[in-house]
Amino acid sequence: MSSLDDAMKQLLSIEGATGAAIVDYSSGMALAQGGNPGFDLGVAAAGNSNVVSSKLRTMADLKLDSNIEDILITLGTQYHLINVLNSEGSKGLFVYLVLDRTYANLALARHKLSSISKGVSI
């Protein structure tokens, strides 16, 4: 298991990464954050908590027995990746990664994000 600081360093080392946060989606609080994506990561963490919570409610309403792996939001110049953590030591958390579309390889970033996320625990 990696510490939150170690996880942040690994996340920000992904090619094209400009910001990252590890977030508690029930409170919207960023437990760790780093980088400089050009906007307030704390506000983004809180807002994306609503996205995750809404999707989880919708899945419950539909009686879907599955876990969210990730959510991709594509903007004109950025990718926003949300990786929901489902392991015992990280339940209730998600990793939020901001990528610059000019420099990022989306497939490789998703692969690395998934690998890093598996090691996150609090």
Protein backbone atom coordinates (compact mmCIF):
# COMPACT_ATOMS: atom_id res chain seq x y z
CA MET A 1 0.00 0.00 0.00
CA SER A 2 1.28 3.45 -0.82
CA SER A 3 0.97 6.56 1.28
CA LEU A 4 -1.17 9.36 -0.08
CA ASP A 5 1.98 11.43 -0.73
CA ASP A 6 3.59 8.59 -2.68
CA ALA A 7 0.40 8.07 -4.66
CA MET A 8 0.27 11.79 -5.50
CA LYS A 9 3.87 11.72 -6.77
CA GLN A 10 3.09 8.71 -8.95
CA LEU A 11 -0.11 10.28 -10.29
CA LEU A 12 1.62 13.54 -11.18
CA SER A 13 4.39 11.61 -12.96
CA ILE A 14 1.87 10.32 -15.53
CA GLU A 15 2.62 12.00 -18.85
CA GLY A 16 0.30 14.96 -19.35
CA ALA A 17 -0.89 15.09 -15.72
CA THR A 18 -1.44 18.63 -14.47
CA GLY A 19 -3.31 17.89 -11.25
CA ALA A 20 -4.55 15.07 -9.05
CA ALA A 21 -6.52 14.55 -5.87
CA ILE A 22 -7.59 11.67 -3.66
CA VAL A 23 -11.11 12.44 -2.50
CA ASP A 24 -13.65 11.17 0.04
CA TYR A 25 -16.85 11.21 -2.02
CA SER A 26 -19.22 11.27 0.96
CA SER A 27 -17.80 14.59 2.22
CA GLY A 28 -16.24 15.96 -0.98
CA MET A 29 -12.99 16.58 0.92
CA ALA A 30 -9.67 16.12 -0.85
CA LEU A 31 -7.43 14.04 1.43
CA ALA A 32 -4.44 14.79 -0.79
CA GLN A 33 -3.97 16.98 -3.84
CA GLY A 34 -1.18 18.28 -6.01
CA GLY A 35 -0.24 19.86 -9.29
CA ASN A 36 -1.50 23.00 -10.96
CA PRO A 37 -4.30 22.34 -13.47
CA GLY A 38 -5.28 26.02 -13.68
CA PHE A 39 -8.30 25.75 -11.37
CA ASP A 40 -9.06 25.05 -7.70
CA LEU A 41 -8.65 21.30 -7.14
CA GLY A 42 -10.61 21.49 -3.86
CA VAL A 43 -13.67 22.86 -5.65
CA ALA A 44 -13.27 20.25 -8.41
CA ALA A 45 -12.97 17.47 -5.81
CA ALA A 46 -16.22 18.55 -4.14
CA GLY A 47 -18.04 18.88 -7.46
CA ASN A 48 -16.87 15.51 -8.73
CA SER A 49 -18.04 13.93 -5.47
CA ASN A 50 -21.53 14.83 -6.66
CA VAL A 51 -20.85 13.08 -9.97
CA VAL A 52 -19.74 9.88 -8.22
CA SER A 53 -22.57 9.94 -5.67
CA SER A 54 -25.15 10.55 -8.38
CA LYS A 55 -23.89 7.65 -10.47
CA LEU A 56 -23.88 5.33 -7.45
CA ARG A 57 -27.49 6.31 -6.65
CA THR A 58 -28.52 5.71 -10.24
CA MET A 59 -26.87 2.29 -10.22
CA ALA A 60 -28.69 1.43 -6.98
CA ASP A 61 -32.02 2.58 -8.48
CA LEU A 62 -31.37 0.34 -11.49
CA LYS A 63 -30.34 -2.52 -9.19
CA LEU A 64 -27.02 -2.87 -10.99
CA ASP A 65 -24.75 -5.13 -8.97
CA SER A 66 -21.41 -3.74 -10.08
CA ASN A 67 -18.71 -1.25 -9.18
CA ILE A 68 -17.70 1.90 -11.01
CA GLU A 69 -14.20 1.51 -12.37
CA ASP A 70 -13.72 4.96 -13.82
CA ILE A 71 -15.51 7.97 -15.23
CA LEU A 72 -14.07 10.01 -18.11
CA ILE A 73 -14.98 13.63 -18.72
CA THR A 74 -13.59 15.04 -21.96
CA LEU A 75 -13.10 18.79 -22.24
CA GLY A 76 -11.67 20.80 -25.12
CA THR A 77 -8.12 20.84 -23.73
CA GLN A 78 -8.27 18.37 -20.85
CA TYR A 79 -9.28 14.89 -19.80
CA HIS A 80 -10.68 14.48 -16.29
CA LEU A 81 -10.45 10.90 -15.03
CA ILE A 82 -12.25 9.72 -11.91
CA ASN A 83 -11.18 6.30 -10.63
CA VAL A 84 -13.48 5.01 -7.88
CA LEU A 85 -11.65 2.92 -5.28
CA ASN A 86 -13.43 -0.23 -4.17
CA SER A 87 -10.91 -2.13 -2.04
CA GLU A 88 -11.38 -2.65 1.70
CA GLY A 89 -8.84 0.01 2.73
CA SER A 90 -10.06 2.63 0.29
CA LYS A 91 -13.86 2.27 0.15
CA GLY A 92 -15.55 5.67 -0.22
CA LEU A 93 -12.63 7.29 -2.04
CA PHE A 94 -11.87 8.21 -5.62
CA VAL A 95 -8.79 9.40 -7.44
CA TYR A 96 -9.26 12.46 -9.64
CA LEU A 97 -6.68 13.02 -12.37
CA VAL A 98 -6.49 16.00 -14.73
CA LEU A 99 -4.61 15.51 -18.00
CA ASP A 100 -3.58 17.98 -20.69
CA ARG A 101 -4.90 16.53 -23.95
CA THR A 102 -1.91 17.84 -25.89
CA TYR A 103 0.58 15.69 -23.97
CA ALA A 104 -1.43 12.81 -22.51
CA ASN A 105 -1.92 9.34 -23.92
CA LEU A 106 -5.40 8.53 -22.59
CA ALA A 107 -5.09 4.73 -22.80
CA LEU A 108 -1.72 4.69 -21.06
CA ALA A 109 -2.88 7.20 -18.44
CA ARG A 110 -5.95 5.06 -17.63
CA HIS A 111 -3.73 1.99 -17.29
CA LYS A 112 -1.29 3.77 -14.96
CA LEU A 113 -4.11 5.38 -12.96
CA SER A 114 -5.71 1.97 -12.39
CA SER A 115 -2.41 0.49 -11.26
CA ILE A 116 -1.63 3.36 -8.86
CA SER A 117 -5.19 3.39 -7.49
CA LYS A 118 -4.97 -0.26 -6.46
CA GLY A 119 -2.21 0.67 -4.02
CA VAL A 120 -4.01 3.56 -2.33
CA SER A 121 -5.19 2.94 1.22
CA ILE A 122 -5.93 5.06 4.26
